[in-house]
Protein backbone atom coordinates (compact mmCIF):
# COMPACT_ATOMS: atom_id res chain seq x y z
CA SER A 1 -7.88 5.87 -15.06
CA SER A 2 -4.26 5.31 -15.98
CA PRO A 3 -2.00 3.72 -13.36
CA MET A 4 0.41 5.90 -11.40
CA PRO A 5 4.12 5.16 -11.75
CA ASN A 6 5.01 2.04 -9.76
CA GLU A 7 1.35 1.31 -9.07
CA VAL A 8 0.44 -2.36 -8.99
CA ARG A 9 -3.04 -2.80 -10.43
CA VAL A 10 -5.00 -6.05 -10.36
CA LEU A 11 -7.95 -6.09 -12.74
CA GLY A 12 -11.22 -7.30 -11.29
CA LEU A 13 -10.15 -6.95 -7.65
CA ALA A 14 -12.81 -4.35 -6.79
CA GLU A 15 -15.54 -6.45 -8.37
CA LEU A 16 -14.35 -9.51 -6.47
CA GLY A 17 -14.35 -7.58 -3.18
CA ARG A 18 -17.92 -6.41 -3.80
CA ALA A 19 -19.00 -9.96 -4.71
CA PHE A 20 -17.52 -11.27 -1.44
CA ARG A 21 -19.41 -8.60 0.51
CA LYS A 22 -22.70 -9.42 -1.28
CA MET A 23 -22.31 -13.08 -0.36
CA ASP A 24 -21.60 -12.35 3.29
CA ALA A 25 -20.59 -9.21 5.17
CA GLU A 26 -17.98 -11.22 7.07
CA LEU A 27 -16.32 -12.17 3.77
CA GLY A 28 -16.10 -8.46 2.89
CA ALA A 29 -14.41 -7.81 6.22
CA ALA A 30 -12.07 -10.77 5.71
CA PHE A 31 -11.16 -9.47 2.25
CA LYS A 32 -10.35 -6.01 3.67
CA ALA A 33 -8.23 -7.58 6.41
CA GLU A 34 -6.33 -9.62 3.82
CA MET A 35 -5.65 -6.47 1.77
CA VAL A 36 -4.30 -4.72 4.90
CA GLY A 37 -2.06 -7.75 5.46
CA VAL A 38 -0.61 -7.53 1.95
CA THR A 39 0.00 -3.79 2.26
CA GLY A 40 1.32 -4.14 5.81
CA ARG A 41 4.17 -6.32 4.57
CA ILE A 42 5.17 -3.59 2.10
CA VAL A 43 4.94 -0.90 4.81
CA ASP A 44 7.26 -3.06 6.94
CA ARG A 45 9.80 -2.99 4.06
CA ILE A 46 9.52 0.81 3.63
CA ARG A 47 9.77 1.85 7.30
CA PRO A 48 13.46 1.04 7.89
CA LYS A 49 14.42 3.03 4.79
CA VAL A 50 12.82 6.27 6.09
CA PRO A 51 15.16 8.53 8.11
CA PHE A 52 14.56 8.45 11.86
CA LEU A 53 14.77 11.51 14.04
CA THR A 54 11.57 11.47 16.07
CA GLY A 55 10.02 8.46 14.30
CA ALA A 56 6.98 10.47 13.19
CA ALA A 57 7.64 9.91 9.48
CA GLN A 58 8.05 6.15 9.95
CA ARG A 59 4.93 5.93 12.11
CA SER A 60 2.91 7.88 9.53
CA LEU A 61 3.15 4.97 7.07
CA THR A 62 -0.14 3.11 7.30
CA ALA A 63 -1.48 0.04 5.50
CA ARG A 64 -5.09 0.40 4.39
CA GLY A 65 -7.43 -2.08 2.83
CA SER A 66 -10.83 -1.82 1.22
CA LEU A 67 -13.09 -3.84 -1.02
CA ARG A 68 -11.34 -2.11 -3.95
CA GLY A 69 -7.85 -3.18 -2.92
CA ALA A 70 -5.02 -1.88 -0.78
CA THR A 71 -3.20 1.41 -0.36
CA ILE A 72 -0.35 2.87 1.64
CA ALA A 73 -1.04 6.18 3.38
CA PHE A 74 1.74 8.44 4.62
CA CYS A 75 2.27 11.97 5.85
CA GLY A 76 -0.65 13.29 7.92
CA THR A 77 -0.65 15.95 10.61
CA LYS A 78 2.10 14.28 12.68
CA ALA A 79 4.55 14.05 9.77
CA PRO A 80 3.73 16.72 7.16
CA HIS A 81 7.41 16.63 6.16
CA PHE A 82 7.24 13.05 4.81
CA PRO A 83 6.79 14.06 1.13
CA TRP A 84 9.84 16.32 1.47
CA LEU A 85 11.87 13.43 2.90
CA ASP A 86 10.73 11.11 0.11
CA PHE A 87 10.80 13.45 -2.90
CA GLY A 88 12.99 16.37 -1.84
CA GLY A 89 12.60 20.05 -2.62
CA ARG A 90 12.73 23.24 -0.59
CA VAL A 91 10.86 23.97 2.66
CA GLY A 92 10.89 26.31 5.63
CA PRO A 93 11.03 30.09 5.91
CA SER A 94 12.06 31.58 2.57
CA ARG A 95 12.37 27.95 1.35
CA ARG A 96 15.92 27.86 2.77
CA ILE A 97 16.03 24.17 3.69
CA SER A 98 16.66 22.05 0.63
CA ARG A 99 16.93 18.36 -0.15
CA PRO A 100 17.86 17.06 -3.61
CA VAL A 101 14.75 16.30 -5.67
CA VAL A 102 14.18 12.65 -6.58
CA PRO A 103 11.20 12.54 -8.98
CA GLY A 104 10.25 8.91 -8.28
CA GLY A 105 10.80 9.24 -4.56
CA ARG A 106 13.33 7.58 -2.29
CA TYR A 107 11.21 5.22 -0.19
CA VAL A 108 7.56 4.51 -1.00
CA TYR A 109 7.34 4.12 -4.78
CA PRO A 110 10.74 2.47 -5.29
CA THR A 111 9.84 -0.14 -2.65
CA ILE A 112 6.47 -0.76 -4.31
CA ALA A 113 8.32 -1.28 -7.60
CA GLU A 114 10.83 -3.65 -5.96
CA GLU A 115 8.05 -5.64 -4.32
CA GLY A 116 5.70 -5.75 -7.34
CA GLU A 117 5.79 -9.53 -7.74
CA ALA A 118 5.46 -10.10 -4.00
CA ILE A 119 2.42 -7.79 -3.98
CA LYS A 120 0.78 -9.71 -6.83
CA ASP A 121 1.53 -13.03 -5.13
CA GLY A 122 0.23 -11.72 -1.81
CA ILE A 123 -3.02 -10.54 -3.38
CA SER A 124 -3.44 -13.85 -5.20
CA GLU A 125 -2.94 -15.78 -1.95
CA ALA A 126 -5.30 -13.44 -0.09
CA VAL A 127 -8.03 -13.91 -2.70
CA GLU A 128 -7.54 -17.66 -2.54
CA ARG A 129 -7.87 -17.69 1.28
CA VAL A 130 -11.08 -15.64 1.25
CA ALA A 131 -12.53 -17.72 -1.61
CA LYS A 132 -11.83 -20.92 0.36
CA GLN A 133 -13.44 -19.33 3.42
CA ALA A 134 -16.51 -18.74 1.22
CA GLY A 135 -16.53 -22.43 0.30
CA PHE A 136 -15.14 -22.11 -3.21
CA GLU A 137 -12.53 -24.40 -4.71
CA THR A 138 -9.80 -22.28 -6.27
CA ARG A 139 -7.78 -23.12 -9.37
CA GLY A 140 -5.51 -21.12 -11.61
CA PHE A 141 -4.01 -18.73 -9.06
CA GLY A 142 -0.36 -17.86 -9.33
């Protein structure tokens, strides 16, 4: 599938995650935890940019990791208004409440774009740590 705008894609990451899990279930768990760590640092950069009224929108940002990589979840039942805050549009009865539309978003995707190199470096370091934990010598990262 084609990458989304401002998506950081690392080829072979899913295969590597599955290989770690096949070697040892604990390595799979360590890999997931490392992916959450990488994404968590990006979430920490996004949170202060999100408007604060009740804090629900900021708290809805969640770092997630899997054997396929890392994602950032937002919105949910506690903050269904998050996409409106980020992208704008009209909401409410008769769509009376408006916010200027920003096609690329205000918070999540611009921060991912700004942090693209840090994300790649973080993933590289995470892979290296898990590979060393598995007993491999790593060369060529970075």
